[in-house]
mmCIF file of all heavy atoms, coordinates in Angstrom:
data_MODEL
# 
_entry.id   MODEL 
# 
loop_
_atom_site.group_PDB 
_atom_site.id 
_atom_site.type_symbol 
_atom_site.label_atom_id 
_atom_site.label_alt_id 
_atom_site.label_comp_id 
_atom_site.label_asym_id 
_atom_site.label_entity_id 
_atom_site.label_seq_id 
_atom_site.pdbx_PDB_ins_code 
_atom_site.Cartn_x 
_atom_site.Cartn_y 
_atom_site.Cartn_z 
_atom_site.occupancy 
_atom_site.B_iso_or_equiv 
_atom_site.pdbx_formal_charge 
_atom_site.auth_seq_id 
_atom_site.auth_comp_id 
_atom_site.auth_asym_id 
_atom_site.auth_atom_id 
_atom_site.pdbx_PDB_model_num 
ATOM 1   N N   . VAL A 1 1  ? -55.585 -3.775  28.770 1.00 0.00 ? 1  VAL A N   1 
ATOM 2   C CA  . VAL A 1 1  ? -54.364 -3.530  29.543 1.00 0.00 ? 1  VAL A CA  1 
ATOM 3   C C   . VAL A 1 1  ? -53.631 -4.858  29.660 1.00 0.00 ? 1  VAL A C   1 
ATOM 4   O O   . VAL A 1 1  ? -54.097 -5.774  30.328 1.00 0.00 ? 1  VAL A O   1 
ATOM 5   C CB  . VAL A 1 1  ? -54.675 -2.978  30.950 1.00 0.00 ? 1  VAL A CB  1 
ATOM 6   C CG1 . VAL A 1 1  ? -53.382 -2.745  31.720 1.00 0.00 ? 1  VAL A CG1 1 
ATOM 7   C CG2 . VAL A 1 1  ? -55.482 -1.697  30.869 1.00 0.00 ? 1  VAL A CG2 1 
ATOM 8   N N   . GLY A 1 2  ? -52.504 -4.981  28.976 1.00 0.00 ? 2  GLY A N   1 
ATOM 9   C CA  . GLY A 1 2  ? -51.704 -6.198  29.038 1.00 0.00 ? 2  GLY A CA  1 
ATOM 10  C C   . GLY A 1 2  ? -50.450 -5.936  29.843 1.00 0.00 ? 2  GLY A C   1 
ATOM 11  O O   . GLY A 1 2  ? -49.638 -5.087  29.467 1.00 0.00 ? 2  GLY A O   1 
ATOM 12  N N   . VAL A 1 3  ? -50.302 -6.637  30.961 1.00 0.00 ? 3  VAL A N   1 
ATOM 13  C CA  . VAL A 1 3  ? -49.154 -6.438  31.849 1.00 0.00 ? 3  VAL A CA  1 
ATOM 14  C C   . VAL A 1 3  ? -48.274 -7.682  31.798 1.00 0.00 ? 3  VAL A C   1 
ATOM 15  O O   . VAL A 1 3  ? -48.693 -8.752  32.243 1.00 0.00 ? 3  VAL A O   1 
ATOM 16  C CB  . VAL A 1 3  ? -49.595 -6.167  33.302 1.00 0.00 ? 3  VAL A CB  1 
ATOM 17  C CG1 . VAL A 1 3  ? -48.375 -5.883  34.182 1.00 0.00 ? 3  VAL A CG1 1 
ATOM 18  C CG2 . VAL A 1 3  ? -50.581 -5.013  33.363 1.00 0.00 ? 3  VAL A CG2 1 
ATOM 19  N N   . ALA A 1 4  ? -47.085 -7.535  31.249 1.00 0.00 ? 4  ALA A N   1 
ATOM 20  C CA  . ALA A 1 4  ? -46.152 -8.655  31.165 1.00 0.00 ? 4  ALA A CA  1 
ATOM 21  C C   . ALA A 1 4  ? -45.187 -8.606  32.341 1.00 0.00 ? 4  ALA A C   1 
ATOM 22  O O   . ALA A 1 4  ? -44.798 -7.528  32.799 1.00 0.00 ? 4  ALA A O   1 
ATOM 23  C CB  . ALA A 1 4  ? -45.372 -8.605  29.855 1.00 0.00 ? 4  ALA A CB  1 
ATOM 24  N N   . MET A 1 5  ? -44.837 -9.794  32.830 1.00 0.00 ? 5  MET A N   1 
ATOM 25  C CA  . MET A 1 5  ? -43.840 -9.884  33.885 1.00 0.00 ? 5  MET A CA  1 
ATOM 26  C C   . MET A 1 5  ? -42.449 -9.732  33.280 1.00 0.00 ? 5  MET A C   1 
ATOM 27  O O   . MET A 1 5  ? -42.155 -10.285 32.224 1.00 0.00 ? 5  MET A O   1 
ATOM 28  C CB  . MET A 1 5  ? -43.932 -11.227 34.608 1.00 0.00 ? 5  MET A CB  1 
ATOM 29  C CG  . MET A 1 5  ? -45.299 -11.549 35.213 1.00 0.00 ? 5  MET A CG  1 
ATOM 30  S SD  . MET A 1 5  ? -45.791 -10.429 36.552 1.00 0.00 ? 5  MET A SD  1 
ATOM 31  C CE  . MET A 1 5  ? -46.987 -9.372  35.698 1.00 0.00 ? 5  MET A CE  1 
ATOM 32  N N   . ASN A 1 6  ? -41.587 -8.989  33.954 1.00 0.00 ? 6  ASN A N   1 
ATOM 33  C CA  . ASN A 1 6  ? -40.226 -8.803  33.456 1.00 0.00 ? 6  ASN A CA  1 
ATOM 34  C C   . ASN A 1 6  ? -39.454 -10.114 33.409 1.00 0.00 ? 6  ASN A C   1 
ATOM 35  O O   . ASN A 1 6  ? -38.497 -10.258 32.654 1.00 0.00 ? 6  ASN A O   1 
ATOM 36  C CB  . ASN A 1 6  ? -39.482 -7.796  34.336 1.00 0.00 ? 6  ASN A CB  1 
ATOM 37  C CG  . ASN A 1 6  ? -38.149 -7.379  33.744 1.00 0.00 ? 6  ASN A CG  1 
ATOM 38  O OD1 . ASN A 1 6  ? -38.038 -7.154  32.543 1.00 0.00 ? 6  ASN A OD1 1 
ATOM 39  N ND2 . ASN A 1 6  ? -37.137 -7.287  34.580 1.00 0.00 ? 6  ASN A ND2 1 
ATOM 40  N N   . THR A 1 7  ? -39.881 -11.093 34.230 1.00 0.00 ? 7  THR A N   1 
ATOM 41  C CA  . THR A 1 7  ? -39.229 -12.404 34.213 1.00 0.00 ? 7  THR A CA  1 
ATOM 42  C C   . THR A 1 7  ? -39.655 -13.238 33.016 1.00 0.00 ? 7  THR A C   1 
ATOM 43  O O   . THR A 1 7  ? -39.104 -14.308 32.785 1.00 0.00 ? 7  THR A O   1 
ATOM 44  C CB  . THR A 1 7  ? -39.581 -13.187 35.491 1.00 0.00 ? 7  THR A CB  1 
ATOM 45  O OG1 . THR A 1 7  ? -41.004 -13.290 35.590 1.00 0.00 ? 7  THR A OG1 1 
ATOM 46  C CG2 . THR A 1 7  ? -39.043 -12.504 36.725 1.00 0.00 ? 7  THR A CG2 1 
ATOM 47  N N   . GLY A 1 8  ? -40.648 -12.775 32.277 1.00 0.00 ? 8  GLY A N   1 
ATOM 48  C CA  . GLY A 1 8  ? -41.214 -13.571 31.204 1.00 0.00 ? 8  GLY A CA  1 
ATOM 49  C C   . GLY A 1 8  ? -40.423 -13.513 29.917 1.00 0.00 ? 8  GLY A C   1 
ATOM 50  O O   . GLY A 1 8  ? -39.334 -12.952 29.839 1.00 0.00 ? 8  GLY A O   1 
ATOM 51  N N   . THR A 1 9  ? -41.025 -14.072 28.881 1.00 0.00 ? 9  THR A N   1 
ATOM 52  C CA  . THR A 1 9  ? -40.361 -14.149 27.585 1.00 0.00 ? 9  THR A CA  1 
ATOM 53  C C   . THR A 1 9  ? -40.423 -12.815 26.857 1.00 0.00 ? 9  THR A C   1 
ATOM 54  O O   . THR A 1 9  ? -41.250 -11.953 27.154 1.00 0.00 ? 9  THR A O   1 
ATOM 55  C CB  . THR A 1 9  ? -41.018 -15.224 26.715 1.00 0.00 ? 9  THR A CB  1 
ATOM 56  O OG1 . THR A 1 9  ? -42.400 -14.868 26.507 1.00 0.00 ? 9  THR A OG1 1 
ATOM 57  C CG2 . THR A 1 9  ? -40.959 -16.584 27.376 1.00 0.00 ? 9  THR A CG2 1 
ATOM 58  N N   . SER A 1 10 ? -39.534 -12.662 25.879 1.00 0.00 ? 10 SER A N   1 
ATOM 59  C CA  . SER A 1 10 ? -39.522 -11.437 25.078 1.00 0.00 ? 10 SER A CA  1 
ATOM 60  C C   . SER A 1 10 ? -40.841 -11.252 24.348 1.00 0.00 ? 10 SER A C   1 
ATOM 61  O O   . SER A 1 10 ? -41.329 -10.123 24.195 1.00 0.00 ? 10 SER A O   1 
ATOM 62  C CB  . SER A 1 10 ? -38.370 -11.474 24.080 1.00 0.00 ? 10 SER A CB  1 
ATOM 63  O OG  . SER A 1 10 ? -37.126 -11.558 24.743 1.00 0.00 ? 10 SER A OG  1 
ATOM 64  N N   . ALA A 1 11 ? -41.445 -12.351 23.885 1.00 0.00 ? 11 ALA A N   1 
ATOM 65  C CA  . ALA A 1 11 ? -42.711 -12.253 23.152 1.00 0.00 ? 11 ALA A CA  1 
ATOM 66  C C   . ALA A 1 11 ? -43.803 -11.665 24.033 1.00 0.00 ? 11 ALA A C   1 
ATOM 67  O O   . ALA A 1 11 ? -44.609 -10.839 23.573 1.00 0.00 ? 11 ALA A O   1 
ATOM 68  C CB  . ALA A 1 11 ? -43.129 -13.644 22.661 1.00 0.00 ? 11 ALA A CB  1 
ATOM 69  N N   . ALA A 1 12 ? -43.845 -12.067 25.288 1.00 0.00 ? 12 ALA A N   1 
ATOM 70  C CA  . ALA A 1 12 ? -44.860 -11.538 26.201 1.00 0.00 ? 12 ALA A CA  1 
ATOM 71  C C   . ALA A 1 12 ? -44.651 -10.049 26.428 1.00 0.00 ? 12 ALA A C   1 
ATOM 72  O O   . ALA A 1 12 ? -45.607 -9.263  26.416 1.00 0.00 ? 12 ALA A O   1 
ATOM 73  C CB  . ALA A 1 12 ? -44.818 -12.292 27.531 1.00 0.00 ? 12 ALA A CB  1 
ATOM 74  N N   . LYS A 1 13 ? -43.397 -9.631  26.619 1.00 0.00 ? 13 LYS A N   1 
ATOM 75  C CA  . LYS A 1 13 ? -43.122 -8.213  26.882 1.00 0.00 ? 13 LYS A CA  1 
ATOM 76  C C   . LYS A 1 13 ? -43.389 -7.349  25.652 1.00 0.00 ? 13 LYS A C   1 
ATOM 77  O O   . LYS A 1 13 ? -43.800 -6.189  25.777 1.00 0.00 ? 13 LYS A O   1 
ATOM 78  C CB  . LYS A 1 13 ? -41.681 -8.048  27.365 1.00 0.00 ? 13 LYS A CB  1 
ATOM 79  C CG  . LYS A 1 13 ? -41.462 -8.619  28.766 1.00 0.00 ? 13 LYS A CG  1 
ATOM 80  C CD  . LYS A 1 13 ? -40.143 -8.188  29.377 1.00 0.00 ? 13 LYS A CD  1 
ATOM 81  C CE  . LYS A 1 13 ? -38.977 -8.927  28.800 1.00 0.00 ? 13 LYS A CE  1 
ATOM 82  N NZ  . LYS A 1 13 ? -37.714 -8.629  29.521 1.00 0.00 ? 13 LYS A NZ  1 
ATOM 83  N N   . GLU A 1 14 ? -43.159 -7.895  24.466 1.00 0.00 ? 14 GLU A N   1 
ATOM 84  C CA  . GLU A 1 14 ? -43.430 -7.138  23.245 1.00 0.00 ? 14 GLU A CA  1 
ATOM 85  C C   . GLU A 1 14 ? -44.932 -6.973  23.021 1.00 0.00 ? 14 GLU A C   1 
ATOM 86  O O   . GLU A 1 14 ? -45.388 -5.947  22.518 1.00 0.00 ? 14 GLU A O   1 
ATOM 87  C CB  . GLU A 1 14 ? -42.799 -7.842  22.046 1.00 0.00 ? 14 GLU A CB  1 
ATOM 88  C CG  . GLU A 1 14 ? -41.277 -7.795  22.009 1.00 0.00 ? 14 GLU A CG  1 
ATOM 89  C CD  . GLU A 1 14 ? -40.751 -6.404  21.751 1.00 0.00 ? 14 GLU A CD  1 
ATOM 90  O OE1 . GLU A 1 14 ? -41.502 -5.563  21.214 1.00 0.00 ? 14 GLU A OE1 1 
ATOM 91  O OE2 . GLU A 1 14 ? -39.588 -6.134  22.102 1.00 0.00 ? 14 GLU A OE2 1 
ATOM 92  N N   . ALA A 1 15 ? -45.712 -7.971  23.385 1.00 0.00 ? 15 ALA A N   1 
ATOM 93  C CA  . ALA A 1 15 ? -47.157 -7.925  23.138 1.00 0.00 ? 15 ALA A CA  1 
ATOM 94  C C   . ALA A 1 15 ? -47.886 -7.032  24.126 1.00 0.00 ? 15 ALA A C   1 
ATOM 95  O O   . ALA A 1 15 ? -48.928 -6.464  23.798 1.00 0.00 ? 15 ALA A O   1 
ATOM 96  C CB  . ALA A 1 15 ? -47.745 -9.340  23.204 1.00 0.00 ? 15 ALA A CB  1 
ATOM 97  N N   . ALA A 1 16 ? -47.360 -6.891  25.337 1.00 0.00 ? 16 ALA A N   1 
ATOM 98  C CA  . ALA A 1 16 ? -48.049 -6.143  26.386 1.00 0.00 ? 16 ALA A CA  1 
ATOM 99  C C   . ALA A 1 16 ? -47.860 -4.640  26.194 1.00 0.00 ? 16 ALA A C   1 
ATOM 100 O O   . ALA A 1 16 ? -46.957 -4.196  25.485 1.00 0.00 ? 16 ALA A O   1 
ATOM 101 C CB  . ALA A 1 16 ? -47.524 -6.570  27.749 1.00 0.00 ? 16 ALA A CB  1 
ATOM 102 N N   . ASN A 1 17 ? -48.740 -3.861  26.833 1.00 0.00 ? 17 ASN A N   1 
ATOM 103 C CA  . ASN A 1 17 ? -48.539 -2.411  26.831 1.00 0.00 ? 17 ASN A CA  1 
ATOM 104 C C   . ASN A 1 17 ? -48.043 -1.900  28.178 1.00 0.00 ? 17 ASN A C   1 
ATOM 105 O O   . ASN A 1 17 ? -47.945 -0.702  28.398 1.00 0.00 ? 17 ASN A O   1 
ATOM 106 C CB  . ASN A 1 17 ? -49.812 -1.653  26.406 1.00 0.00 ? 17 ASN A CB  1 
ATOM 107 C CG  . ASN A 1 17 ? -51.048 -2.130  27.143 1.00 0.00 ? 17 ASN A CG  1 
ATOM 108 O OD1 . ASN A 1 17 ? -50.973 -2.608  28.277 1.00 0.00 ? 17 ASN A OD1 1 
ATOM 109 N ND2 . ASN A 1 17 ? -52.203 -2.000  26.494 1.00 0.00 ? 17 ASN A ND2 1 
ATOM 110 N N   . MET A 1 18 ? -47.741 -2.821  29.085 1.00 0.00 ? 18 MET A N   1 
ATOM 111 C CA  . MET A 1 18 ? -47.069 -2.496  30.343 1.00 0.00 ? 18 MET A CA  1 
ATOM 112 C C   . MET A 1 18 ? -46.138 -3.646  30.694 1.00 0.00 ? 18 MET A C   1 
ATOM 113 O O   . MET A 1 18 ? -46.420 -4.799  30.380 1.00 0.00 ? 18 MET A O   1 
ATOM 114 C CB  . MET A 1 18 ? -48.061 -2.284  31.488 1.00 0.00 ? 18 MET A CB  1 
ATOM 115 C CG  . MET A 1 18 ? -48.929 -1.053  31.381 1.00 0.00 ? 18 MET A CG  1 
ATOM 116 S SD  . MET A 1 18 ? -49.878 -0.787  32.898 1.00 0.00 ? 18 MET A SD  1 
ATOM 117 C CE  . MET A 1 18 ? -50.927 0.580   32.380 1.00 0.00 ? 18 MET A CE  1 
ATOM 118 N N   . VAL A 1 19 ? -45.036 -3.323  31.367 1.00 0.00 ? 19 VAL A N   1 
ATOM 119 C CA  . VAL A 1 19 ? -44.108 -4.337  31.858 1.00 0.00 ? 19 VAL A CA  1 
ATOM 120 C C   . VAL A 1 19 ? -43.850 -4.069  33.334 1.00 0.00 ? 19 VAL A C   1 
ATOM 121 O O   . VAL A 1 19 ? -43.484 -2.952  33.714 1.00 0.00 ? 19 VAL A O   1 
ATOM 122 C CB  . VAL A 1 19 ? -42.769 -4.314  31.085 1.00 0.00 ? 19 VAL A CB  1 
ATOM 123 C CG1 . VAL A 1 19 ? -41.799 -5.337  31.675 1.00 0.00 ? 19 VAL A CG1 1 
ATOM 124 C CG2 . VAL A 1 19 ? -42.996 -4.594  29.610 1.00 0.00 ? 19 VAL A CG2 1 
ATOM 125 N N   . ASP A 1 20 ? -44.075 -5.091  34.159 1.00 0.00 ? 20 ASP A N   1 
ATOM 126 C CA  . ASP A 1 20 ? -43.831 -4.984  35.591 1.00 0.00 ? 20 ASP A CA  1 
ATOM 127 C C   . ASP A 1 20 ? -42.427 -5.504  35.885 1.00 0.00 ? 20 ASP A C   1 
ATOM 128 O O   . ASP A 1 20 ? -42.163 -6.691  35.762 1.00 0.00 ? 20 ASP A O   1 
ATOM 129 C CB  . ASP A 1 20 ? -44.884 -5.787  36.371 1.00 0.00 ? 20 ASP A CB  1 
ATOM 130 C CG  . ASP A 1 20 ? -44.592 -5.826  37.861 1.00 0.00 ? 20 ASP A CG  1 
ATOM 131 O OD1 . ASP A 1 20 ? -43.847 -4.940  38.322 1.00 0.00 ? 20 ASP A OD1 1 
ATOM 132 O OD2 . ASP A 1 20 ? -45.116 -6.717  38.546 1.00 0.00 ? 20 ASP A OD2 1 
ATOM 133 N N   . LEU A 1 21 ? -41.535 -4.594  36.259 1.00 0.00 ? 21 LEU A N   1 
ATOM 134 C CA  . LEU A 1 21 ? -40.150 -4.973  36.491 1.00 0.00 ? 21 LEU A CA  1 
ATOM 135 C C   . LEU A 1 21 ? -39.993 -5.863  37.717 1.00 0.00 ? 21 LEU A C   1 
ATOM 136 O O   . LEU A 1 21 ? -39.011 -6.586  37.840 1.00 0.00 ? 21 LEU A O   1 
ATOM 137 C CB  . LEU A 1 21 ? -39.281 -3.717  36.653 1.00 0.00 ? 21 LEU A CB  1 
ATOM 138 C CG  . LEU A 1 21 ? -39.270 -2.758  35.462 1.00 0.00 ? 21 LEU A CG  1 
ATOM 139 C CD1 . LEU A 1 21 ? -38.375 -1.573  35.751 1.00 0.00 ? 21 LEU A CD1 1 
ATOM 140 C CD2 . LEU A 1 21 ? -38.829 -3.459  34.197 1.00 0.00 ? 21 LEU A CD2 1 
ATOM 141 N N   . ASP A 1 22 ? -40.948 -5.799  38.643 1.00 0.00 ? 22 ASP A N   1 
ATOM 142 C CA  . ASP A 1 22 ? -40.877 -6.632  39.847 1.00 0.00 ? 22 ASP A CA  1 
ATOM 143 C C   . ASP A 1 22 ? -41.472 -8.017  39.625 1.00 0.00 ? 22 ASP A C   1 
ATOM 144 O O   . ASP A 1 22 ? -41.370 -8.872  40.507 1.00 0.00 ? 22 ASP A O   1 
ATOM 145 C CB  . ASP A 1 22 ? -41.621 -5.965  41.008 1.00 0.00 ? 22 ASP A CB  1 
ATOM 146 C CG  . ASP A 1 22 ? -40.896 -4.733  41.525 1.00 0.00 ? 22 ASP A CG  1 
ATOM 147 O OD1 . ASP A 1 22 ? -39.675 -4.671  41.339 1.00 0.00 ? 22 ASP A OD1 1 
ATOM 148 O OD2 . ASP A 1 22 ? -41.546 -3.850  42.100 1.00 0.00 ? 22 ASP A OD2 1 
ATOM 149 N N   . SER A 1 23 ? -42.150 -8.219  38.486 1.00 0.00 ? 23 SER A N   1 
ATOM 150 C CA  . SER A 1 23 ? -42.803 -9.502  38.187 1.00 0.00 ? 23 SER A CA  1 
ATOM 151 C C   . SER A 1 23 ? -43.750 -9.919  39.304 1.00 0.00 ? 23 SER A C   1 
ATOM 152 O O   . SER A 1 23 ? -43.776 -11.076 39.727 1.00 0.00 ? 23 SER A O   1 
ATOM 153 C CB  . SER A 1 23 ? -41.745 -10.596 37.936 1.00 0.00 ? 23 SER A CB  1 
ATOM 154 O OG  . SER A 1 23 ? -40.931 -10.243 36.845 1.00 0.00 ? 23 SER A OG  1 
ATOM 155 N N   . ASP A 1 24 ? -44.518 -8.969  39.778 1.00 0.00 ? 24 ASP A N   1 
ATOM 156 C CA  . ASP A 1 24 ? -45.494 -9.214  40.837 1.00 0.00 ? 24 ASP A CA  1 
ATOM 157 C C   . ASP A 1 24 ? -46.884 -9.003  40.244 1.00 0.00 ? 24 ASP A C   1 
ATOM 158 O O   . ASP A 1 24 ? -47.287 -7.865  40.016 1.00 0.00 ? 24 ASP A O   1 
ATOM 159 C CB  . ASP A 1 24 ? -45.261 -8.250  42.004 1.00 0.00 ? 24 ASP A CB  1 
ATOM 160 C CG  . ASP A 1 24 ? -46.315 -8.383  43.092 1.00 0.00 ? 24 ASP A CG  1 
ATOM 161 O OD1 . ASP A 1 24 ? -47.113 -9.335  43.031 1.00 0.00 ? 24 ASP A OD1 1 
ATOM 162 O OD2 . ASP A 1 24 ? -46.333 -7.528  44.003 1.00 0.00 ? 24 ASP A OD2 1 
# 
């Protein structure tokens, strides 16, 4: 389970299988 922060880089969001829009 890879959770990327929405504040992060595009590479992190592309690699993860979840994105937290609140970056918490």
